[in-house]
Amino acid sequence: MSNAQQVERFDQWLDKVNQVCGRFGANVLGTQFAGSIDEYRSGELKMSFVDVAQARLFRTQHEIDQGEDSHYYAAFQLAGEAVMEQQGSCITLLPGDITLIDSTRPSNFVYRNNARQLSLILPRERVEQQLRFTTVKPAQRIQASAPMAGLAQRLILGSTEQGLSHTESEATLDAVISLLRPAMGASELDDSPQVRTFRKALRVIDEHIGDEALCPEWLATQVGVSVRGLYRLFSRHGLVVAQYVKNRRLDLCAEQLRHARGEGKLCALGYEWGFNDSSYFSTAFKARFGVSPGEYRKRYTN
């Protein structure tokens, strides 16, 4: 194969990667580059099978700024090896291993030999719903020998052989996140004063989630810290107080819509969960879930 043909094949592969997985940069690492990618979608399941050799993929701040990705990738190593790096952590994935990568942070992936990898998109809001007390640590190797790794891989590979409904695909995503949860971040058994205060803040938020008075100043008083201390507390977990409250309200709205019966007024639903502006509620909901509240409800009604 001529050099021009290899360059053309590489460019075609990278274009497909950018279409399926989001914005990436890449370069060839040798004369034997090979690459292909196949996309699979079913309901909320969005994944790709990547075959590659002698190439490097990366996301700098430039690629991140070009896209609108705000999710996690669960990378399942199916064959060969891959070196993955993010936030100062560098790991080598062997067949059966799994890791998580945050799309909002720079990352680097090196594939020297024939490697096959399954990349599953985990929506950020679903991960946040399940890991409310845990800061996700990307680029941590979940070894193939771990029971949860094998279970998660069999579950996700098995789902590609089934015709899942939208609800079933969401349940599959939640199950995968639950299986990987113990390896996703810092231990939930951490009982330091800061963690206890943080958990107290989350409980107070849930207890008063529909109150218009819920704001950082009021919350700080209830928890017994300064407003500045409250901001630092949430920042340690990669969160912003007001954004967390808004997202928590939206997640509870979505949960209610998934189980709703009938055609209740959507503006009333927003008011129930603390949104006093129906236009803002609709805009915020679409920004988080990709569809309007009405479209979201129809999806589950049907």
Protein backbone atom coordinates (compact mmCIF):
# COMPACT_ATOMS: atom_id res chain seq x y z
CA MET A 1 0.00 0.00 0.00
CA SER A 2 1.36 3.42 -0.95
CA ASN A 3 1.88 6.19 1.59
CA ALA A 4 -0.90 8.22 -0.03
CA GLN A 5 -3.33 5.30 0.31
CA GLN A 6 -2.46 4.84 3.98
CA VAL A 7 -2.97 8.56 4.65
CA GLU A 8 -6.34 8.42 2.92
CA ARG A 9 -7.41 5.34 4.90
CA PHE A 10 -6.28 6.97 8.14
CA ASP A 11 -8.20 10.17 7.38
CA GLN A 12 -11.36 8.18 6.59
CA TRP A 13 -11.04 6.27 9.86
CA LEU A 14 -10.55 9.45 11.90
CA ASP A 15 -13.54 11.10 10.21
CA LYS A 16 -15.69 8.13 11.21
CA VAL A 17 -14.36 8.23 14.78
CA ASN A 18 -15.29 11.92 14.99
CA GLN A 19 -18.78 11.19 13.68
CA VAL A 20 -19.42 8.35 16.12
CA CYS A 21 -17.42 9.22 19.25
CA GLY A 22 -17.00 13.00 19.21
CA ARG A 23 -14.06 15.23 18.34
CA PHE A 24 -10.62 13.60 18.47
CA GLY A 25 -7.20 14.31 17.05
CA ALA A 26 -4.96 11.45 15.94
CA ASN A 27 -1.67 10.46 14.36
CA VAL A 28 -0.13 7.29 12.94
CA LEU A 29 2.54 5.52 14.99
CA GLY A 30 3.99 3.22 12.32
CA THR A 31 3.79 1.93 8.77
CA GLN A 32 1.22 -0.76 9.54
CA PHE A 33 -1.75 1.40 10.52
CA ALA A 34 -5.13 -0.31 10.37
CA GLY A 35 -8.46 0.98 11.62
CA SER A 36 -12.21 0.49 11.39
CA ILE A 37 -15.20 1.44 13.52
CA ASP A 38 -18.76 0.10 13.70
CA GLU A 39 -21.55 1.93 15.51
CA TYR A 40 -24.38 0.28 17.44
CA ARG A 41 -27.43 2.10 18.76
CA SER A 42 -30.52 0.80 20.49
CA GLY A 43 -32.65 3.18 22.53
CA GLU A 44 -30.34 4.81 25.06
CA LEU A 45 -27.47 2.44 24.26
CA LYS A 46 -24.85 4.18 22.12
CA MET A 47 -21.64 2.28 21.56
CA SER A 48 -18.97 1.63 18.97
CA PHE A 49 -16.59 -1.22 18.20
CA VAL A 50 -13.15 0.18 17.34
CA ASP A 51 -10.47 -1.92 15.65
CA VAL A 52 -7.11 -0.16 15.40
CA ALA A 53 -3.36 -0.72 15.23
CA GLN A 54 -0.42 1.70 15.37
CA ALA A 55 -2.36 4.88 16.05
CA ARG A 56 -2.77 7.48 18.75
CA LEU A 57 -6.07 9.19 19.55
CA PHE A 58 -6.21 12.26 21.77
CA ARG A 59 -8.47 15.01 23.01
CA THR A 60 -6.82 18.29 23.91
CA GLN A 61 -8.75 21.32 25.12
CA HIS A 62 -8.99 22.32 21.45
CA GLU A 63 -10.99 19.18 20.53
CA ILE A 64 -13.09 19.50 23.68
CA ASP A 65 -14.00 23.10 22.84
CA GLN A 66 -15.02 22.07 19.31
CA GLY A 67 -17.61 19.57 20.52
CA GLU A 68 -20.52 19.53 22.91
CA ASP A 69 -19.75 16.20 24.59
CA SER A 70 -20.43 15.96 28.30
CA HIS A 71 -20.50 12.28 29.11
CA TYR A 72 -18.31 9.38 30.15
CA TYR A 73 -16.95 6.62 27.94
CA ALA A 74 -16.78 3.11 29.34
CA ALA A 75 -13.97 1.47 27.36
CA PHE A 76 -14.15 -2.35 27.27
CA GLN A 77 -10.91 -3.89 25.97
CA LEU A 78 -11.95 -6.88 23.86
CA ALA A 79 -8.59 -7.80 22.25
CA GLY A 80 -5.02 -6.54 22.10
CA GLU A 81 -3.69 -3.76 24.33
CA ALA A 82 -4.35 -0.05 24.75
CA VAL A 83 -2.63 2.63 26.82
CA MET A 84 -5.05 5.23 28.17
CA GLU A 85 -4.19 8.41 30.02
CA GLN A 86 -6.25 11.10 31.75
CA GLN A 87 -5.81 13.40 34.75
CA GLY A 88 -2.30 12.16 35.48
CA SER A 89 -3.31 8.50 35.48
CA CYS A 90 -1.82 6.20 32.83
CA ILE A 91 -2.93 2.58 32.49
CA THR A 92 -2.51 -0.34 30.10
CA LEU A 93 -5.71 -2.18 29.28
CA LEU A 94 -5.54 -5.91 28.56
CA PRO A 95 -8.34 -8.06 27.16
CA GLY A 96 -11.32 -8.03 29.52
CA ASP A 97 -10.26 -4.84 31.31
CA ILE A 98 -12.51 -1.78 31.55
CA THR A 99 -11.92 1.88 32.28
CA LEU A 100 -13.88 5.15 32.35
CA ILE A 101 -12.90 8.30 30.47
CA ASP A 102 -14.42 11.77 31.02
CA SER A 103 -15.19 13.47 27.69
CA THR A 104 -14.84 16.93 29.25
CA ARG A 105 -11.15 16.46 30.12
CA PRO A 106 -8.04 16.01 27.94
CA SER A 107 -7.15 12.38 27.27
CA ASN A 108 -4.71 10.25 25.32
CA PHE A 109 -5.05 6.73 23.83
CA VAL A 110 -2.27 4.67 22.25
CA TYR A 111 -2.90 1.50 20.23
CA ARG A 112 0.34 -0.20 19.09
CA ASN A 113 -0.85 -3.68 18.19
CA ASN A 114 -4.09 -5.03 16.80
CA ALA A 115 -6.61 -3.86 19.38
CA ARG A 116 -10.37 -4.14 19.56
CA GLN A 117 -12.29 -1.96 21.96
CA LEU A 118 -15.94 -1.37 22.73
CA SER A 119 -16.71 2.24 23.69
CA LEU A 120 -20.02 2.75 25.50
CA ILE A 121 -21.35 6.26 26.13
CA LEU A 122 -22.57 6.73 29.70
CA PRO A 123 -24.74 9.89 29.96
CA ARG A 124 -23.35 12.13 32.67
CA GLU A 125 -26.74 12.62 34.31
CA ARG A 126 -27.23 8.85 34.75
CA VAL A 127 -23.79 8.46 36.30
CA GLU A 128 -24.42 11.42 38.62
CA GLN A 129 -27.77 9.98 39.73
CA GLN A 130 -26.14 6.75 40.90
CA LEU A 131 -22.84 8.17 42.23
CA ARG A 132 -24.06 11.12 44.27
CA PHE A 133 -21.53 10.58 47.06
CA THR A 134 -18.60 9.65 44.86
CA THR A 135 -16.20 11.66 42.73
CA VAL A 136 -15.60 9.74 39.51
CA LYS A 137 -11.90 8.98 38.96
CA PRO A 138 -11.22 8.44 35.24
CA ALA A 139 -8.53 6.19 33.76
CA GLN A 140 -8.66 3.63 36.57
CA ARG A 141 -8.10 0.04 35.40
CA ILE A 142 -10.93 -2.33 36.28
CA GLN A 143 -9.20 -5.67 35.83
CA ALA A 144 -10.76 -8.50 33.86
CA SER A 145 -10.41 -10.73 36.93
CA ALA A 146 -12.91 -8.58 38.86
CA PRO A 147 -16.35 -10.27 38.84
CA MET A 148 -18.10 -6.99 38.05
CA ALA A 149 -15.93 -6.53 34.92
CA GLY A 150 -16.99 -9.87 33.48
CA LEU A 151 -20.65 -9.30 34.35
CA ALA A 152 -20.66 -5.81 32.82
CA GLN A 153 -19.01 -6.99 29.62
CA ARG A 154 -21.38 -9.92 29.17
CA LEU A 155 -24.35 -7.67 29.82
CA ILE A 156 -23.35 -5.03 27.28
CA LEU A 157 -22.27 -7.51 24.61
CA GLY A 158 -25.46 -9.50 25.14
CA SER A 159 -27.55 -6.35 24.69
CA THR A 160 -26.27 -5.99 21.10
CA GLU A 161 -27.93 -9.32 20.28
CA GLN A 162 -31.33 -8.25 21.61
CA GLY A 163 -33.97 -5.85 20.32
CA LEU A 164 -34.29 -3.70 23.45
CA SER A 165 -37.08 -1.21 24.03
CA HIS A 166 -36.20 2.31 25.14
CA THR A 167 -37.01 1.48 28.77
CA GLU A 168 -35.00 -1.77 28.59
CA SER A 169 -31.99 0.05 27.15
CA GLU A 170 -32.09 2.57 30.01
CA ALA A 171 -32.29 -0.27 32.52
CA THR A 172 -29.24 -1.85 30.88
CA LEU A 173 -27.28 1.40 31.21
CA ASP A 174 -28.23 1.69 34.87
CA ALA A 175 -27.19 -1.92 35.47
CA VAL A 176 -23.77 -1.35 33.86
CA ILE A 177 -23.21 1.77 35.97
CA SER A 178 -24.21 -0.15 39.11
CA LEU A 179 -21.78 -2.96 38.31
CA LEU A 180 -18.90 -0.53 37.73
CA ARG A 181 -19.80 1.71 40.65
CA PRO A 182 -17.37 0.21 43.22
CA ALA A 183 -14.44 1.01 40.94
CA MET A 184 -15.57 4.41 39.73
CA GLY A 185 -14.18 6.60 42.46
CA ALA A 186 -13.32 7.24 46.07
CA SER A 187 -14.78 4.91 48.65
CA GLU A 188 -18.23 5.73 49.93
CA LEU A 189 -17.01 4.52 53.32
CA ASP A 190 -15.01 7.72 53.74
CA ASP A 191 -16.35 9.13 57.01
CA SER A 192 -14.28 12.30 57.32
CA PRO A 193 -16.00 15.45 58.68
CA GLN A 194 -16.03 16.98 55.21
CA VAL A 195 -17.76 13.95 53.69
CA ARG A 196 -20.32 13.82 56.52
CA THR A 197 -21.11 17.51 55.99
CA PHE A 198 -21.38 16.97 52.23
CA ARG A 199 -23.80 14.09 52.72
CA LYS A 200 -25.83 16.22 55.12
CA ALA A 201 -26.04 18.93 52.47
CA LEU A 202 -27.32 16.42 49.90
CA ARG A 203 -29.96 15.16 52.35
CA VAL A 204 -31.13 18.72 53.08
CA ILE A 205 -31.35 19.42 49.35
CA ASP A 206 -33.52 16.35 48.78
CA GLU A 207 -35.75 17.21 51.74
CA HIS A 208 -36.37 20.73 50.41
CA ILE A 209 -35.91 20.18 46.67
CA GLY A 210 -39.27 21.73 45.78
CA ASP A 211 -38.86 24.83 47.96
CA GLU A 212 -38.24 28.13 46.18
CA ALA A 213 -36.15 29.19 49.17
CA LEU A 214 -33.54 26.52 48.43
CA CYS A 215 -30.38 28.43 47.50
CA PRO A 216 -26.69 28.30 48.50
CA GLU A 217 -27.10 30.91 51.25
CA TRP A 218 -30.06 29.11 52.85
CA LEU A 219 -28.40 25.70 52.47
CA ALA A 220 -25.17 26.89 54.11
CA THR A 221 -27.17 28.02 57.14
CA GLN A 222 -28.95 24.67 57.42
CA VAL A 223 -25.72 22.69 57.11
CA GLY A 224 -23.78 24.91 59.50
CA VAL A 225 -21.02 26.22 57.23
CA SER A 226 -20.25 29.51 55.51
CA VAL A 227 -21.37 30.01 51.91
CA ARG A 228 -17.74 29.97 50.87
CA GLY A 229 -17.22 26.75 52.81
CA LEU A 230 -20.25 25.23 51.08
CA TYR A 231 -18.83 26.08 47.66
CA ARG A 232 -15.50 24.47 48.61
CA LEU A 233 -17.31 21.40 49.93
CA PHE A 234 -19.06 20.81 46.60
CA SER A 235 -15.99 21.75 44.58
CA ARG A 236 -14.07 18.88 46.22
CA HIS A 237 -16.56 16.56 44.51
CA GLY A 238 -16.38 18.35 41.16
CA LEU A 239 -19.77 20.02 41.70
CA VAL A 240 -21.23 23.53 41.77
CA VAL A 241 -23.98 24.01 44.37
CA ALA A 242 -26.58 25.79 42.24
CA GLN A 243 -25.95 23.51 39.26
CA TYR A 244 -26.29 20.42 41.45
CA VAL A 245 -29.64 21.65 42.81
CA LYS A 246 -30.90 22.39 39.30
CA ASN A 247 -29.78 19.01 37.95
CA ARG A 248 -31.26 17.19 40.94
CA ARG A 249 -34.60 18.89 40.31
CA LEU A 250 -34.46 18.00 36.62
CA ASP A 251 -33.58 14.37 37.39
CA LEU A 252 -36.58 14.07 39.72
CA CYS A 253 -38.81 15.71 37.09
CA ALA A 254 -37.60 13.17 34.55
CA GLU A 255 -38.23 10.30 36.95
CA GLN A 256 -41.79 11.51 37.51
CA LEU A 257 -42.36 11.84 33.75
CA ARG A 258 -41.16 8.27 33.20
CA HIS A 259 -43.85 7.00 35.55
CA ALA A 260 -46.55 9.57 34.75
CA ARG A 261 -50.04 8.56 33.76
CA GLY A 262 -52.26 10.95 31.86
CA GLU A 263 -51.52 14.37 30.43
CA GLY A 264 -50.89 16.64 33.41
CA LYS A 265 -49.64 20.16 32.74
CA LEU A 266 -45.90 20.27 32.38
CA CYS A 267 -45.64 23.76 33.86
CA ALA A 268 -47.26 22.41 37.04
CA LEU A 269 -44.61 19.69 37.17
CA GLY A 270 -41.89 22.32 36.96
CA TYR A 271 -43.45 24.38 39.75
CA GLU A 272 -43.71 21.24 41.91
CA TRP A 273 -39.96 20.76 41.74
CA GLY A 274 -38.96 24.38 42.32
CA PHE A 275 -38.97 25.90 38.80
CA ASN A 276 -41.08 29.06 38.89
CA ASP A 277 -40.48 29.88 35.21
CA SER A 278 -41.96 27.36 32.75
CA SER A 279 -39.82 28.61 29.84
CA TYR A 280 -36.62 28.25 31.86
CA PHE A 281 -37.73 24.80 33.04
CA SER A 282 -38.27 23.60 29.46
CA THR A 283 -34.93 25.02 28.28
CA ALA A 284 -33.01 23.53 31.21
CA PHE A 285 -34.70 20.13 30.78
CA LYS A 286 -33.81 19.97 27.08
CA ALA A 287 -30.21 20.97 27.80
CA ARG A 288 -29.89 18.06 30.26
CA PHE A 289 -31.84 15.32 28.47
CA GLY A 290 -31.70 16.37 24.82
CA VAL A 291 -35.48 16.63 24.40
CA SER A 292 -38.27 18.81 25.77
CA PRO A 293 -40.33 17.63 28.78
CA GLY A 294 -43.28 16.92 26.47
CA GLU A 295 -41.19 14.79 24.10
CA TYR A 296 -39.63 12.98 27.04
CA ARG A 297 -43.07 12.09 28.42
CA LYS A 298 -44.30 10.86 25.01
CA ARG A 299 -41.27 8.58 24.76
CA TYR A 300 -42.38 6.70 27.88
CA THR A 301 -46.11 6.95 27.24
CA ASN A 302 -45.55 5.16 23.93
